[in-house]
Amino acid sequence: MENIVIEKIKIDDTEKLQRIAKKTFFETFSPYNTAENMEKYLNEKFSEEKLLSELKNKNSEFFFAIYLGDVVGYLKVNSGDAQTELQDKNALEIERIYVSKDFHGKKVGQILYDKALYIAQSKNLQYVWLGVWEENHRAVQFYKKNGFVEFDKHIFKFGDEEQTDLMMRKEL
């Protein structure tokens, strides 16, 4: 999709980040989870304080996807000790790629993914990895299409439920 601009997210973009993070997470997962679990997760994981501390972490980077002045998605990548699980200095974690529902199928996710890949390659890293909910078939297919392979699984606590994330990686 033309006219998509990728812009690094700054500290003073916290509210804008919070809005797109809550919106896209809700759109993606609310049909499959209880309202109570959704509300608890959104309030904890996307609180202003939590996002601000993530933005201040020198080993995490955030980027907006902007279309005609509107934020339509975002990316979060982690290196070093900011990685949620592996913490391999030779790897980059894609922690979040989220796109507004209205922009699904319009290559916004691909543009954000390409940005993550560019970051990993510019740092001469060996691979990129991520965790994706096994029931998020659209995302699993997206990553497989982009050359990721499953290497493990882990349990993701979502409110009072335990869900399984597929751990996937792509060698560079």
N, C-alpha and C. Protein backbone atom coordinates (compact mmCIF):
# COMPACT_ATOMS: atom_id res chain seq x y z
N MET A 1 0.84 -1.19 0.00
CA MET A 1 0.00 0.00 0.00
C MET A 1 0.88 1.24 0.00
N GLU A 2 0.60 2.12 -0.92
CA GLU A 2 1.37 3.36 -0.98
C GLU A 2 0.92 4.31 0.12
N ASN A 3 1.70 5.32 0.36
CA ASN A 3 1.38 6.36 1.34
C ASN A 3 1.48 5.91 2.80
N ILE A 4 2.01 4.73 3.06
CA ILE A 4 2.24 4.33 4.45
C ILE A 4 3.61 4.88 4.86
N VAL A 5 3.62 5.61 5.95
CA VAL A 5 4.86 6.18 6.47
C VAL A 5 5.17 5.45 7.78
N ILE A 6 6.42 5.04 7.94
CA ILE A 6 6.87 4.41 9.19
C ILE A 6 7.61 5.48 9.98
N GLU A 7 7.18 5.66 11.21
CA GLU A 7 7.74 6.73 12.04
C GLU A 7 8.11 6.17 13.41
N LYS A 8 9.33 6.48 13.86
CA LYS A 8 9.76 6.03 15.19
C LYS A 8 8.90 6.71 16.25
N ILE A 9 8.47 5.93 17.24
CA ILE A 9 7.62 6.44 18.30
C ILE A 9 8.50 7.04 19.39
N LYS A 10 8.12 8.23 19.82
CA LYS A 10 8.88 8.95 20.84
C LYS A 10 8.11 8.94 22.16
N ILE A 11 8.77 9.33 23.24
CA ILE A 11 8.17 9.36 24.58
C ILE A 11 6.86 10.15 24.58
N ASP A 12 6.86 11.30 23.90
CA ASP A 12 5.63 12.11 23.93
C ASP A 12 4.51 11.57 23.04
N ASP A 13 4.73 10.39 22.43
CA ASP A 13 3.68 9.72 21.65
C ASP A 13 2.96 8.65 22.49
N THR A 14 3.20 8.63 23.79
CA THR A 14 2.68 7.55 24.64
C THR A 14 1.16 7.39 24.52
N GLU A 15 0.43 8.50 24.57
CA GLU A 15 -1.04 8.40 24.49
C GLU A 15 -1.49 7.85 23.15
N LYS A 16 -0.84 8.30 22.08
CA LYS A 16 -1.17 7.81 20.74
C LYS A 16 -0.88 6.31 20.63
N LEU A 17 0.24 5.90 21.22
CA LEU A 17 0.61 4.48 21.24
C LEU A 17 -0.43 3.69 22.03
N GLN A 18 -0.82 4.21 23.17
CA GLN A 18 -1.80 3.52 24.00
C GLN A 18 -3.12 3.32 23.24
N ARG A 19 -3.55 4.34 22.52
CA ARG A 19 -4.81 4.23 21.75
C ARG A 19 -4.74 3.13 20.70
N ILE A 20 -3.68 3.13 19.88
CA ILE A 20 -3.58 2.13 18.80
C ILE A 20 -3.33 0.75 19.38
N ALA A 21 -2.57 0.66 20.48
CA ALA A 21 -2.29 -0.64 21.09
C ALA A 21 -3.57 -1.28 21.62
N LYS A 22 -4.35 -0.51 22.36
CA LYS A 22 -5.61 -1.04 22.91
C LYS A 22 -6.59 -1.38 21.80
N LYS A 23 -6.71 -0.50 20.82
CA LYS A 23 -7.66 -0.70 19.72
C LYS A 23 -7.34 -1.98 18.94
N THR A 24 -6.09 -2.11 18.53
CA THR A 24 -5.74 -3.26 17.68
C THR A 24 -5.75 -4.57 18.45
N PHE A 25 -5.34 -4.53 19.71
CA PHE A 25 -5.37 -5.75 20.52
C PHE A 25 -6.81 -6.20 20.72
N PHE A 26 -7.69 -5.25 21.03
CA PHE A 26 -9.11 -5.56 21.23
C PHE A 26 -9.71 -6.14 19.94
N GLU A 27 -9.44 -5.49 18.80
CA GLU A 27 -9.98 -5.97 17.52
C GLU A 27 -9.51 -7.40 17.22
N THR A 28 -8.25 -7.68 17.55
CA THR A 28 -7.67 -8.97 17.22
C THR A 28 -8.17 -10.09 18.13
N PHE A 29 -8.28 -9.83 19.42
CA PHE A 29 -8.51 -10.93 20.36
C PHE A 29 -9.86 -10.95 21.09
N SER A 30 -10.63 -9.86 21.06
CA SER A 30 -11.89 -9.85 21.81
C SER A 30 -12.89 -10.91 21.36
N PRO A 31 -12.95 -11.28 20.07
CA PRO A 31 -13.92 -12.31 19.70
C PRO A 31 -13.64 -13.68 20.34
N TYR A 32 -12.42 -13.88 20.83
CA TYR A 32 -12.01 -15.21 21.31
C TYR A 32 -11.80 -15.27 22.82
N ASN A 33 -12.02 -14.18 23.51
CA ASN A 33 -11.72 -14.12 24.94
C ASN A 33 -12.85 -13.43 25.71
N THR A 34 -12.89 -13.67 27.01
CA THR A 34 -13.94 -13.07 27.83
C THR A 34 -13.70 -11.57 27.98
N ALA A 35 -14.78 -10.84 28.20
CA ALA A 35 -14.69 -9.39 28.39
C ALA A 35 -13.82 -9.07 29.61
N GLU A 36 -13.94 -9.89 30.67
CA GLU A 36 -13.17 -9.65 31.90
C GLU A 36 -11.66 -9.80 31.63
N ASN A 37 -11.29 -10.87 30.93
CA ASN A 37 -9.87 -11.08 30.63
C ASN A 37 -9.33 -9.98 29.71
N MET A 38 -10.14 -9.55 28.74
CA MET A 38 -9.71 -8.49 27.83
C MET A 38 -9.47 -7.19 28.61
N GLU A 39 -10.43 -6.83 29.44
CA GLU A 39 -10.33 -5.57 30.18
C GLU A 39 -9.11 -5.57 31.10
N LYS A 40 -8.92 -6.67 31.82
CA LYS A 40 -7.78 -6.79 32.73
C LYS A 40 -6.46 -6.65 31.97
N TYR A 41 -6.34 -7.36 30.85
CA TYR A 41 -5.11 -7.33 30.07
C TYR A 41 -4.86 -5.93 29.50
N LEU A 42 -5.88 -5.34 28.90
CA LEU A 42 -5.71 -4.01 28.30
C LEU A 42 -5.30 -2.98 29.35
N ASN A 43 -5.91 -3.04 30.52
CA ASN A 43 -5.59 -2.07 31.58
C ASN A 43 -4.21 -2.27 32.16
N GLU A 44 -3.75 -3.53 32.24
CA GLU A 44 -2.43 -3.79 32.81
C GLU A 44 -1.32 -3.60 31.78
N LYS A 45 -1.44 -4.26 30.65
CA LYS A 45 -0.35 -4.28 29.67
C LYS A 45 -0.22 -3.00 28.85
N PHE A 46 -1.30 -2.25 28.76
CA PHE A 46 -1.25 -1.03 27.95
C PHE A 46 -1.54 0.21 28.79
N SER A 47 -1.20 0.14 30.08
CA SER A 47 -1.33 1.33 30.93
C SER A 47 -0.28 2.34 30.47
N GLU A 48 -0.52 3.60 30.74
CA GLU A 48 0.42 4.64 30.34
C GLU A 48 1.79 4.40 30.98
N GLU A 49 1.79 4.00 32.27
CA GLU A 49 3.05 3.76 32.98
C GLU A 49 3.84 2.62 32.33
N LYS A 50 3.15 1.53 32.00
CA LYS A 50 3.81 0.36 31.39
C LYS A 50 4.40 0.73 30.03
N LEU A 51 3.61 1.40 29.20
CA LEU A 51 4.09 1.78 27.87
C LEU A 51 5.25 2.76 27.97
N LEU A 52 5.17 3.68 28.90
CA LEU A 52 6.25 4.65 29.09
C LEU A 52 7.55 3.95 29.48
N SER A 53 7.46 2.97 30.36
CA SER A 53 8.68 2.26 30.76
C SER A 53 9.24 1.44 29.58
N GLU A 54 8.36 0.90 28.73
CA GLU A 54 8.82 0.17 27.54
C GLU A 54 9.49 1.13 26.56
N LEU A 55 8.88 2.30 26.38
CA LEU A 55 9.46 3.30 25.46
C LEU A 55 10.82 3.78 25.93
N LYS A 56 11.03 3.81 27.24
CA LYS A 56 12.30 4.29 27.80
C LYS A 56 13.40 3.23 27.75
N ASN A 57 13.04 1.99 27.48
CA ASN A 57 14.04 0.91 27.43
C ASN A 57 14.88 1.06 26.16
N LYS A 58 16.18 1.25 26.33
CA LYS A 58 17.05 1.47 25.17
C LYS A 58 17.14 0.27 24.23
N ASN A 59 16.74 -0.91 24.69
CA ASN A 59 16.78 -2.10 23.85
C ASN A 59 15.43 -2.43 23.19
N SER A 60 14.47 -1.53 23.32
CA SER A 60 13.19 -1.69 22.63
C SER A 60 12.99 -0.52 21.69
N GLU A 61 12.40 -0.81 20.54
CA GLU A 61 12.08 0.25 19.59
C GLU A 61 10.64 0.08 19.14
N PHE A 62 9.94 1.20 19.00
CA PHE A 62 8.55 1.21 18.55
C PHE A 62 8.44 2.07 17.29
N PHE A 63 7.55 1.66 16.38
CA PHE A 63 7.31 2.42 15.16
C PHE A 63 5.82 2.43 14.85
N PHE A 64 5.33 3.59 14.43
CA PHE A 64 3.95 3.71 13.95
C PHE A 64 3.92 3.47 12.45
N ALA A 65 2.83 2.89 11.97
CA ALA A 65 2.49 2.90 10.54
C ALA A 65 1.43 3.97 10.40
N ILE A 66 1.69 4.97 9.57
CA ILE A 66 0.79 6.11 9.43
C ILE A 66 0.29 6.19 8.00
N TYR A 67 -1.02 6.32 7.86
CA TYR A 67 -1.65 6.46 6.54
C TYR A 67 -2.43 7.76 6.53
N LEU A 68 -2.05 8.68 5.66
CA LEU A 68 -2.70 9.98 5.54
C LEU A 68 -2.91 10.66 6.91
N GLY A 69 -1.87 10.61 7.73
CA GLY A 69 -1.89 11.28 9.02
C GLY A 69 -2.48 10.48 10.17
N ASP A 70 -3.08 9.34 9.88
CA ASP A 70 -3.68 8.50 10.94
C ASP A 70 -2.79 7.30 11.25
N VAL A 71 -2.65 7.01 12.54
CA VAL A 71 -1.91 5.81 12.96
C VAL A 71 -2.80 4.60 12.68
N VAL A 72 -2.30 3.66 11.87
CA VAL A 72 -3.09 2.48 11.50
C VAL A 72 -2.46 1.18 11.98
N GLY A 73 -1.31 1.28 12.62
CA GLY A 73 -0.66 0.08 13.14
C GLY A 73 0.63 0.47 13.83
N TYR A 74 1.26 -0.54 14.45
CA TYR A 74 2.54 -0.27 15.10
C TYR A 74 3.35 -1.55 15.23
N LEU A 75 4.64 -1.34 15.49
CA LEU A 75 5.62 -2.41 15.63
C LEU A 75 6.41 -2.17 16.90
N LYS A 76 6.71 -3.25 17.62
CA LYS A 76 7.64 -3.19 18.74
C LYS A 76 8.66 -4.30 18.57
N VAL A 77 9.94 -3.95 18.59
CA VAL A 77 11.02 -4.94 18.53
C VAL A 77 11.90 -4.79 19.76
N ASN A 78 12.50 -5.91 20.17
CA ASN A 78 13.36 -5.94 21.35
C ASN A 78 14.68 -6.62 21.01
N SER A 79 15.75 -6.07 21.56
CA SER A 79 17.05 -6.74 21.46
C SER A 79 17.62 -6.86 22.86
N GLY A 80 18.72 -7.58 22.98
CA GLY A 80 19.39 -7.72 24.28
C GLY A 80 18.45 -8.18 25.38
N ASP A 81 18.58 -7.54 26.55
CA ASP A 81 17.79 -7.97 27.71
C ASP A 81 16.34 -7.51 27.69
N ALA A 82 15.94 -6.76 26.66
CA ALA A 82 14.53 -6.36 26.54
C ALA A 82 13.68 -7.50 25.95
N GLN A 83 14.35 -8.51 25.38
CA GLN A 83 13.60 -9.63 24.81
C GLN A 83 12.83 -10.34 25.91
N THR A 84 11.62 -10.76 25.58
CA THR A 84 10.73 -11.32 26.60
C THR A 84 11.12 -12.73 27.02
N GLU A 85 11.84 -13.44 26.17
CA GLU A 85 12.12 -14.82 26.52
C GLU A 85 13.57 -15.24 26.27
N LEU A 86 13.98 -15.31 25.03
CA LEU A 86 15.30 -15.88 24.71
C LEU A 86 16.47 -15.03 25.19
N GLN A 87 16.38 -13.74 25.05
CA GLN A 87 17.44 -12.81 25.42
C GLN A 87 18.79 -13.21 24.81
N ASP A 88 18.76 -13.51 23.53
CA ASP A 88 19.97 -13.87 22.79
C ASP A 88 20.51 -12.59 22.13
N LYS A 89 21.77 -12.29 22.39
CA LYS A 89 22.35 -11.07 21.83
C LYS A 89 22.47 -11.11 20.31
N ASN A 90 22.30 -12.30 19.73
CA ASN A 90 22.38 -12.46 18.28
C ASN A 90 21.01 -12.46 17.62
N ALA A 91 19.97 -12.07 18.38
CA ALA A 91 18.61 -12.15 17.85
C ALA A 91 17.84 -10.86 18.11
N LEU A 92 16.80 -10.67 17.31
CA LEU A 92 15.85 -9.58 17.51
C LEU A 92 14.48 -10.22 17.70
N GLU A 93 13.77 -9.77 18.73
CA GLU A 93 12.41 -10.25 18.94
C GLU A 93 11.43 -9.25 18.33
N ILE A 94 10.50 -9.77 17.56
CA ILE A 94 9.35 -8.96 17.15
C ILE A 94 8.29 -9.25 18.20
N GLU A 95 8.10 -8.30 19.12
CA GLU A 95 7.12 -8.53 20.18
C GLU A 95 5.71 -8.21 19.72
N ARG A 96 5.57 -7.16 18.92
CA ARG A 96 4.23 -6.77 18.47
C ARG A 96 4.24 -6.21 17.06
N ILE A 97 3.37 -6.75 16.23
CA ILE A 97 2.97 -6.11 14.97
C ILE A 97 1.46 -6.13 15.01
N TYR A 98 0.87 -4.96 15.13
CA TYR A 98 -0.60 -4.88 15.15
C TYR A 98 -1.06 -3.83 14.14
N VAL A 99 -2.13 -4.17 13.44
CA VAL A 99 -2.68 -3.30 12.40
C VAL A 99 -4.18 -3.18 12.62
N SER A 100 -4.71 -1.97 12.47
CA SER A 100 -6.15 -1.76 12.56
C SER A 100 -6.89 -2.66 11.58
N LYS A 101 -8.01 -3.19 12.04
CA LYS A 101 -8.80 -4.13 11.24
C LYS A 101 -9.11 -3.60 9.83
N ASP A 102 -9.40 -2.31 9.74
CA ASP A 102 -9.73 -1.70 8.44
C ASP A 102 -8.57 -1.78 7.46
N PHE A 103 -7.37 -2.04 7.96
CA PHE A 103 -6.19 -2.07 7.10
C PHE A 103 -5.62 -3.48 6.93
N HIS A 104 -6.33 -4.49 7.44
CA HIS A 104 -5.90 -5.87 7.20
C HIS A 104 -5.94 -6.14 5.70
N GLY A 105 -4.94 -6.89 5.23
CA GLY A 105 -4.89 -7.24 3.81
C GLY A 105 -4.39 -6.12 2.92
N LYS A 106 -3.90 -5.05 3.51
CA LYS A 106 -3.43 -3.91 2.71
C LYS A 106 -1.93 -3.71 2.82
N LYS A 107 -1.23 -4.74 3.23
CA LYS A 107 0.25 -4.77 3.28
C LYS A 107 0.87 -3.93 4.40
N VAL A 108 0.07 -3.40 5.33
CA VAL A 108 0.63 -2.61 6.42
C VAL A 108 1.48 -3.49 7.34
N GLY A 109 0.98 -4.67 7.66
CA GLY A 109 1.73 -5.62 8.48
C GLY A 109 3.04 -6.00 7.81
N GLN A 110 3.01 -6.18 6.49
CA GLN A 110 4.22 -6.53 5.75
C GLN A 110 5.24 -5.40 5.81
N ILE A 111 4.77 -4.17 5.71
CA ILE A 111 5.67 -3.01 5.78
C ILE A 111 6.32 -2.93 7.17
N LEU A 112 5.53 -3.15 8.21
CA LEU A 112 6.07 -3.14 9.57
C LEU A 112 7.05 -4.30 9.77
N TYR A 113 6.70 -5.48 9.25
CA TYR A 113 7.60 -6.63 9.34
C TYR A 113 8.92 -6.33 8.61
N ASP A 114 8.83 -5.74 7.42
CA ASP A 114 10.04 -5.41 6.66
C ASP A 114 10.94 -4.45 7.43
N LYS A 115 10.32 -3.55 8.20
CA LYS A 115 11.09 -2.62 9.04
C LYS A 115 11.85 -3.41 10.13
N ALA A 116 11.17 -4.37 10.74
CA ALA A 116 11.82 -5.20 11.77
C ALA A 116 13.00 -5.97 11.17
N LEU A 117 12.78 -6.54 9.99
CA LEU A 117 13.84 -7.30 9.31
C LEU A 117 15.03 -6.39 9.00
N TYR A 118 14.75 -5.19 8.54
CA TYR A 118 15.80 -4.23 8.23
C TYR A 118 16.62 -3.92 9.48
N ILE A 119 15.95 -3.73 10.61
CA ILE A 119 16.64 -3.44 11.88
C ILE A 119 17.56 -4.61 12.25
N ALA A 120 17.04 -5.83 12.16
CA ALA A 120 17.84 -7.01 12.50
C ALA A 120 19.05 -7.13 11.59
N GLN A 121 18.86 -6.92 10.29
CA GLN A 121 19.97 -7.03 9.34
C GLN A 121 20.99 -5.92 9.56
N SER A 122 20.53 -4.71 9.87
CA SER A 122 21.47 -3.60 10.08
C SER A 122 22.30 -3.80 11.35
N LYS A 123 21.81 -4.62 12.28
CA LYS A 123 22.57 -4.94 13.50
C LYS A 123 23.37 -6.23 13.33
N ASN A 124 23.36 -6.80 12.12
CA ASN A 124 24.07 -8.04 11.82
C ASN A 124 23.68 -9.19 12.75
N LEU A 125 22.40 -9.29 13.05
CA LEU A 125 21.92 -10.36 13.92
C LEU A 125 21.73 -11.65 13.13
N GLN A 126 21.67 -12.77 13.82
CA GLN A 126 21.59 -14.07 13.15
C GLN A 126 20.17 -14.50 12.85
N TYR A 127 19.22 -14.08 13.70
CA TYR A 127 17.83 -14.47 13.46
C TYR A 127 16.85 -13.53 14.13
N VAL A 128 15.61 -13.64 13.70
CA VAL A 128 14.49 -12.90 14.27
C VAL A 128 13.55 -13.94 14.85
N TRP A 129 12.94 -13.64 16.00
CA TRP A 129 12.02 -14.60 16.60
C TRP A 129 10.81 -13.87 17.17
N LEU A 130 9.78 -14.65 17.48
CA LEU A 130 8.55 -14.09 18.04
C LEU A 130 7.71 -15.19 18.65
N GLY A 131 6.73 -14.78 19.43
CA GLY A 131 5.71 -15.69 19.94
C GLY A 131 4.38 -15.25 19.37
N VAL A 132 3.57 -16.21 18.92
CA VAL A 132 2.26 -15.89 18.35
C VAL A 132 1.24 -16.91 18.86
N TRP A 133 0.07 -16.43 19.27
CA TRP A 133 -0.97 -17.31 19.78
C TRP A 133 -1.35 -18.32 18.72
N GLU A 134 -1.36 -19.60 19.09
CA GLU A 134 -1.63 -20.67 18.12
C GLU A 134 -3.00 -20.53 17.45
N GLU A 135 -3.93 -19.86 18.12
CA GLU A 135 -5.27 -19.67 17.54
C GLU A 135 -5.37 -18.44 16.63
N ASN A 136 -4.30 -17.66 16.55
CA ASN A 136 -4.29 -16.49 15.66
C ASN A 136 -3.78 -16.96 14.29
N HIS A 137 -4.65 -17.68 13.59
CA HIS A 137 -4.27 -18.34 12.33
C HIS A 137 -3.78 -17.36 11.27
N ARG A 138 -4.40 -16.19 11.23
CA ARG A 138 -3.99 -15.18 10.25
C ARG A 138 -2.52 -14.80 10.46
N ALA A 139 -2.14 -14.55 11.73
CA ALA A 139 -0.75 -14.17 12.03
C ALA A 139 0.21 -15.34 11.80
N VAL A 140 -0.19 -16.54 12.21
CA VAL A 140 0.68 -17.72 12.01
C VAL A 140 0.98 -17.88 10.52
N GLN A 141 -0.05 -17.76 9.68
CA GLN A 141 0.14 -17.88 8.23
C GLN A 141 1.04 -16.78 7.69
N PHE A 142 0.86 -15.57 8.19
CA PHE A 142 1.68 -14.43 7.78
C PHE A 142 3.16 -14.72 8.04
N TYR A 143 3.46 -15.21 9.24
CA TYR A 143 4.86 -15.47 9.57
C TYR A 143 5.42 -16.65 8.79
N LYS A 144 4.62 -17.68 8.59
CA LYS A 144 5.08 -18.82 7.77
C LYS A 144 5.39 -18.36 6.35
N LYS A 145 4.51 -17.53 5.81
CA LYS A 145 4.70 -16.99 4.45
C LYS A 145 6.01 -16.22 4.37
N ASN A 146 6.40 -15.60 5.49
CA ASN A 146 7.63 -14.82 5.53
C ASN A 146 8.85 -15.63 5.97
N GLY A 147 8.72 -16.96 5.98
CA GLY A 147 9.87 -17.82 6.21
C GLY A 147 10.15 -18.22 7.66
N PHE A 148 9.22 -17.95 8.56
CA PHE A 148 9.40 -18.35 9.95
C PHE A 148 9.04 -19.82 10.13
N VAL A 149 9.75 -20.48 11.05
CA VAL A 149 9.44 -21.87 11.39
C VAL A 149 9.25 -21.97 12.90
N GLU A 150 8.37 -22.86 13.30
CA GLU A 150 8.10 -23.07 14.71
C GLU A 150 9.28 -23.81 15.33
N PHE A 151 9.72 -23.36 16.53
CA PHE A 151 10.81 -24.06 17.21
C PHE A 151 10.47 -24.45 18.64
N ASP A 152 9.36 -23.93 19.18
CA ASP A 152 9.00 -24.24 20.55
C ASP A 152 7.59 -23.72 20.81
N LYS A 153 7.12 -23.92 22.04
CA LYS A 153 5.83 -23.37 22.47
C LYS A 153 6.02 -22.85 23.88
N HIS A 154 5.16 -21.93 24.29
CA HIS A 154 5.16 -21.52 25.69
C HIS A 154 3.75 -21.13 26.08
N ILE A 155 3.50 -21.12 27.36
CA ILE A 155 2.18 -20.78 27.89
C ILE A 155 2.13 -19.27 28.13
N PHE A 156 1.07 -18.68 27.64
CA PHE A 156 0.83 -17.25 27.80
C PHE A 156 -0.38 -17.10 28.71
N LYS A 157 -0.19 -16.45 29.84
CA LYS A 157 -1.27 -16.26 30.81
C LYS A 157 -2.11 -15.06 30.37
N PHE A 158 -3.37 -15.31 30.08
CA PHE A 158 -4.28 -14.25 29.64
C PHE A 158 -5.46 -14.22 30.61
N GLY A 159 -5.37 -13.32 31.58
CA GLY A 159 -6.40 -13.28 32.63
C GLY A 159 -6.38 -14.59 33.39
N ASP A 160 -7.53 -15.25 33.46
CA ASP A 160 -7.60 -16.52 34.19
C ASP A 160 -7.41 -17.73 33.26
N GLU A 161 -6.96 -17.49 32.04
CA GLU A 161 -6.77 -18.57 31.07
C GLU A 161 -5.30 -18.77 30.74
N GLU A 162 -4.96 -20.00 30.42
CA GLU A 162 -3.62 -20.28 29.88
C GLU A 162 -3.79 -20.58 28.40
N GLN A 163 -3.03 -19.84 27.58
CA GLN A 163 -3.09 -20.04 26.13
C GLN A 163 -1.69 -20.41 25.65
N THR A 164 -1.64 -21.09 24.51
CA THR A 164 -0.36 -21.54 23.99
C THR A 164 0.11 -20.63 22.86
N ASP A 165 1.32 -20.13 23.01
CA ASP A 165 1.96 -19.36 21.95
C ASP A 165 2.94 -20.26 21.22
N LEU A 166 2.96 -20.15 19.91
CA LEU A 166 3.98 -20.83 19.10
C LEU A 166 5.19 -19.90 19.08
N MET A 167 6.35 -20.45 19.33
CA MET A 167 7.59 -19.70 19.21
C MET A 167 8.12 -19.96 17.80
N MET A 168 8.35 -18.88 17.06
CA MET A 168 8.79 -19.01 15.67
C MET A 168 10.03 -18.18 15.45
N ARG A 169 10.84 -18.63 14.50
CA ARG A 169 12.07 -17.89 14.19
C ARG A 169 12.37 -17.94 12.71
N LYS A 170 13.18 -16.97 12.31
CA LYS A 170 13.64 -16.91 10.91
C LYS A 170 15.12 -16.59 10.95
N GLU A 171 15.91 -17.45 10.33
CA GLU A 171 17.35 -17.22 10.22
C GLU A 171 17.59 -16.12 9.19
N LEU A 172 18.58 -15.30 9.46
CA LEU A 172 18.91 -14.21 8.51
C LEU A 172 20.13 -14.55 7.68
